[in-house]
Amino acid sequence: METTIRIHTDSLSADIIDSIKKMFPHRNIEITIQPADETDYILGDPAYTQELMERIEQYNTNQKSFL
């Protein structure tokens, strides 16, 4: 079993460790910590995705006008 936990560092607590222990009892586990990719969050919401695409298009249009 593999799981990904995305959590803001301000929300970290001992409860997280206890939860991990319950999910993987009596096992060796590997924990990798890296900053989360915020684009997954944005692209997971159609409204945010649309906004992002519109801003990219606007940026590209503005860049072409300077050439």
N, C-alpha and C. Protein backbone atom coordinates (compact mmCIF):
# COMPACT_ATOMS: atom_id res chain seq x y z
N MET A 1 0.84 -1.18 0.00
CA MET A 1 0.00 0.00 0.00
C MET A 1 0.88 1.24 0.00
N GLU A 2 0.49 2.22 -0.77
CA GLU A 2 1.21 3.49 -0.83
C GLU A 2 0.21 4.61 -0.62
N THR A 3 0.61 5.64 0.07
CA THR A 3 -0.28 6.78 0.28
C THR A 3 0.50 8.08 0.22
N THR A 4 -0.17 9.12 -0.15
CA THR A 4 0.42 10.46 -0.18
C THR A 4 -0.38 11.32 0.76
N ILE A 5 0.31 12.02 1.63
CA ILE A 5 -0.33 12.93 2.56
C ILE A 5 0.14 14.34 2.21
N ARG A 6 -0.79 15.19 1.85
CA ARG A 6 -0.46 16.59 1.58
C ARG A 6 -0.99 17.41 2.73
N ILE A 7 -0.09 18.13 3.37
CA ILE A 7 -0.49 18.88 4.55
C ILE A 7 0.37 20.12 4.67
N HIS A 8 -0.21 21.19 5.11
CA HIS A 8 0.53 22.43 5.35
C HIS A 8 1.34 22.25 6.63
N THR A 9 2.55 22.74 6.65
CA THR A 9 3.40 22.55 7.82
C THR A 9 2.81 23.13 9.09
N ASP A 10 1.96 24.13 8.97
CA ASP A 10 1.31 24.69 10.16
C ASP A 10 0.33 23.70 10.79
N SER A 11 -0.08 22.69 10.03
CA SER A 11 -1.05 21.71 10.52
C SER A 11 -0.39 20.43 11.03
N LEU A 12 0.92 20.33 10.93
CA LEU A 12 1.60 19.13 11.40
C LEU A 12 1.47 18.99 12.92
N SER A 13 1.24 17.76 13.33
CA SER A 13 1.12 17.49 14.77
C SER A 13 1.50 16.04 15.03
N ALA A 14 1.55 15.70 16.30
CA ALA A 14 1.85 14.32 16.68
C ALA A 14 0.75 13.37 16.19
N ASP A 15 -0.45 13.90 15.99
CA ASP A 15 -1.56 13.07 15.49
C ASP A 15 -1.24 12.49 14.12
N ILE A 16 -0.50 13.23 13.30
CA ILE A 16 -0.14 12.73 11.97
C ILE A 16 0.72 11.47 12.11
N ILE A 17 1.69 11.52 13.00
CA ILE A 17 2.56 10.35 13.22
C ILE A 17 1.74 9.18 13.72
N ASP A 18 0.83 9.42 14.65
CA ASP A 18 -0.02 8.34 15.16
C ASP A 18 -0.87 7.74 14.04
N SER A 19 -1.37 8.58 13.15
CA SER A 19 -2.17 8.09 12.03
C SER A 19 -1.34 7.22 11.10
N ILE A 20 -0.11 7.63 10.83
CA ILE A 20 0.78 6.84 9.97
C ILE A 20 1.07 5.49 10.61
N LYS A 21 1.30 5.50 11.91
CA LYS A 21 1.54 4.24 12.61
C LYS A 21 0.35 3.29 12.50
N LYS A 22 -0.85 3.83 12.56
CA LYS A 22 -2.06 3.00 12.44
C LYS A 22 -2.24 2.48 11.02
N MET A 23 -1.86 3.28 10.04
CA MET A 23 -1.99 2.87 8.65
C MET A 23 -0.99 1.77 8.29
N PHE A 24 0.20 1.81 8.88
CA PHE A 24 1.27 0.87 8.58
C PHE A 24 1.79 0.25 9.87
N PRO A 25 0.99 -0.56 10.54
CA PRO A 25 1.43 -1.11 11.84
C PRO A 25 2.59 -2.09 11.71
N HIS A 26 3.55 -1.93 12.58
CA HIS A 26 4.68 -2.87 12.71
C HIS A 26 5.43 -3.08 11.39
N ARG A 27 5.65 -1.99 10.65
CA ARG A 27 6.32 -2.10 9.35
C ARG A 27 7.40 -1.04 9.24
N ASN A 28 8.37 -1.30 8.40
CA ASN A 28 9.33 -0.26 8.03
C ASN A 28 8.69 0.58 6.95
N ILE A 29 8.80 1.89 7.08
CA ILE A 29 8.25 2.79 6.07
C ILE A 29 9.32 3.77 5.63
N GLU A 30 9.05 4.42 4.54
CA GLU A 30 9.95 5.43 4.01
C GLU A 30 9.15 6.72 3.89
N ILE A 31 9.69 7.80 4.44
CA ILE A 31 9.01 9.09 4.39
C ILE A 31 9.88 10.05 3.58
N THR A 32 9.31 10.60 2.52
CA THR A 32 9.99 11.58 1.69
C THR A 32 9.24 12.89 1.83
N ILE A 33 9.95 13.96 2.12
CA ILE A 33 9.31 15.26 2.28
C ILE A 33 9.82 16.19 1.19
N GLN A 34 8.88 16.80 0.49
CA GLN A 34 9.20 17.77 -0.55
C GLN A 34 8.05 18.75 -0.65
N PRO A 35 8.32 19.94 -1.16
CA PRO A 35 7.22 20.89 -1.34
C PRO A 35 6.20 20.31 -2.32
N ALA A 36 4.94 20.51 -2.02
CA ALA A 36 3.87 20.02 -2.90
C ALA A 36 3.83 20.84 -4.17
N ASP A 37 3.45 20.18 -5.26
CA ASP A 37 3.28 20.85 -6.54
C ASP A 37 1.92 21.53 -6.55
N GLU A 38 1.90 22.84 -6.48
CA GLU A 38 0.65 23.58 -6.40
C GLU A 38 -0.17 23.49 -7.67
N THR A 39 0.45 23.13 -8.80
CA THR A 39 -0.34 23.04 -10.03
C THR A 39 -1.35 21.90 -9.97
N ASP A 40 -1.06 20.84 -9.21
CA ASP A 40 -2.04 19.76 -9.05
C ASP A 40 -3.33 20.30 -8.45
N TYR A 41 -3.19 21.15 -7.46
CA TYR A 41 -4.35 21.76 -6.80
C TYR A 41 -5.11 22.63 -7.79
N ILE A 42 -4.39 23.46 -8.51
CA ILE A 42 -5.03 24.39 -9.46
C ILE A 42 -5.71 23.62 -10.58
N LEU A 43 -5.02 22.67 -11.15
CA LEU A 43 -5.58 21.93 -12.29
C LEU A 43 -6.68 20.96 -11.88
N GLY A 44 -6.83 20.70 -10.59
CA GLY A 44 -7.89 19.85 -10.10
C GLY A 44 -9.23 20.56 -10.02
N ASP A 45 -9.23 21.87 -10.19
CA ASP A 45 -10.46 22.67 -10.12
C ASP A 45 -10.70 23.31 -11.48
N PRO A 46 -11.79 22.98 -12.15
CA PRO A 46 -12.04 23.53 -13.49
C PRO A 46 -12.02 25.06 -13.55
N ALA A 47 -12.52 25.71 -12.53
CA ALA A 47 -12.53 27.18 -12.53
C ALA A 47 -11.11 27.73 -12.48
N TYR A 48 -10.27 27.15 -11.64
CA TYR A 48 -8.87 27.58 -11.56
C TYR A 48 -8.14 27.28 -12.86
N THR A 49 -8.43 26.12 -13.44
CA THR A 49 -7.79 25.74 -14.70
C THR A 49 -8.14 26.74 -15.80
N GLN A 50 -9.41 27.10 -15.89
CA GLN A 50 -9.85 28.07 -16.89
C GLN A 50 -9.15 29.41 -16.68
N GLU A 51 -9.09 29.85 -15.44
CA GLU A 51 -8.43 31.13 -15.12
C GLU A 51 -6.95 31.07 -15.53
N LEU A 52 -6.29 29.97 -15.22
CA LEU A 52 -4.88 29.82 -15.57
C LEU A 52 -4.69 29.86 -17.08
N MET A 53 -5.52 29.14 -17.81
CA MET A 53 -5.41 29.12 -19.27
C MET A 53 -5.64 30.51 -19.87
N GLU A 54 -6.60 31.23 -19.32
CA GLU A 54 -6.87 32.59 -19.81
C GLU A 54 -5.68 33.51 -19.55
N ARG A 55 -5.09 33.38 -18.39
CA ARG A 55 -3.93 34.23 -18.06
C ARG A 55 -2.72 33.88 -18.94
N ILE A 56 -2.53 32.60 -19.21
CA ILE A 56 -1.43 32.20 -20.10
C ILE A 56 -1.66 32.77 -21.49
N GLU A 57 -2.88 32.67 -21.99
CA GLU A 57 -3.20 33.21 -23.31
C GLU A 57 -2.99 34.73 -23.34
N GLN A 58 -3.42 35.41 -22.29
CA GLN A 58 -3.23 36.86 -22.22
C GLN A 58 -1.74 37.21 -22.20
N TYR A 59 -0.96 36.46 -21.45
CA TYR A 59 0.48 36.69 -21.39
C TYR A 59 1.11 36.49 -22.77
N ASN A 60 0.73 35.39 -23.44
CA ASN A 60 1.28 35.10 -24.76
C ASN A 60 0.91 36.20 -25.76
N THR A 61 -0.32 36.67 -25.70
CA THR A 61 -0.78 37.75 -26.59
C THR A 61 0.02 39.01 -26.32
N ASN A 62 0.23 39.34 -25.06
CA ASN A 62 1.01 40.53 -24.71
C ASN A 62 2.46 40.42 -25.17
N GLN A 63 3.03 39.21 -25.08
CA GLN A 63 4.42 39.02 -25.51
C GLN A 63 4.55 39.22 -27.01
N LYS A 64 3.57 38.75 -27.77
CA LYS A 64 3.62 38.89 -29.23
C LYS A 64 3.52 40.35 -29.64
N SER A 65 2.80 41.14 -28.87
CA SER A 65 2.66 42.56 -29.24
C SER A 65 3.95 43.34 -29.02
N PHE A 66 4.86 42.82 -28.22
CA PHE A 66 6.15 43.50 -28.00
C PHE A 66 7.19 43.12 -29.05
N LEU A 67 6.92 42.09 -29.82
CA LEU A 67 7.90 41.64 -30.82
C LEU A 67 7.84 42.44 -32.09
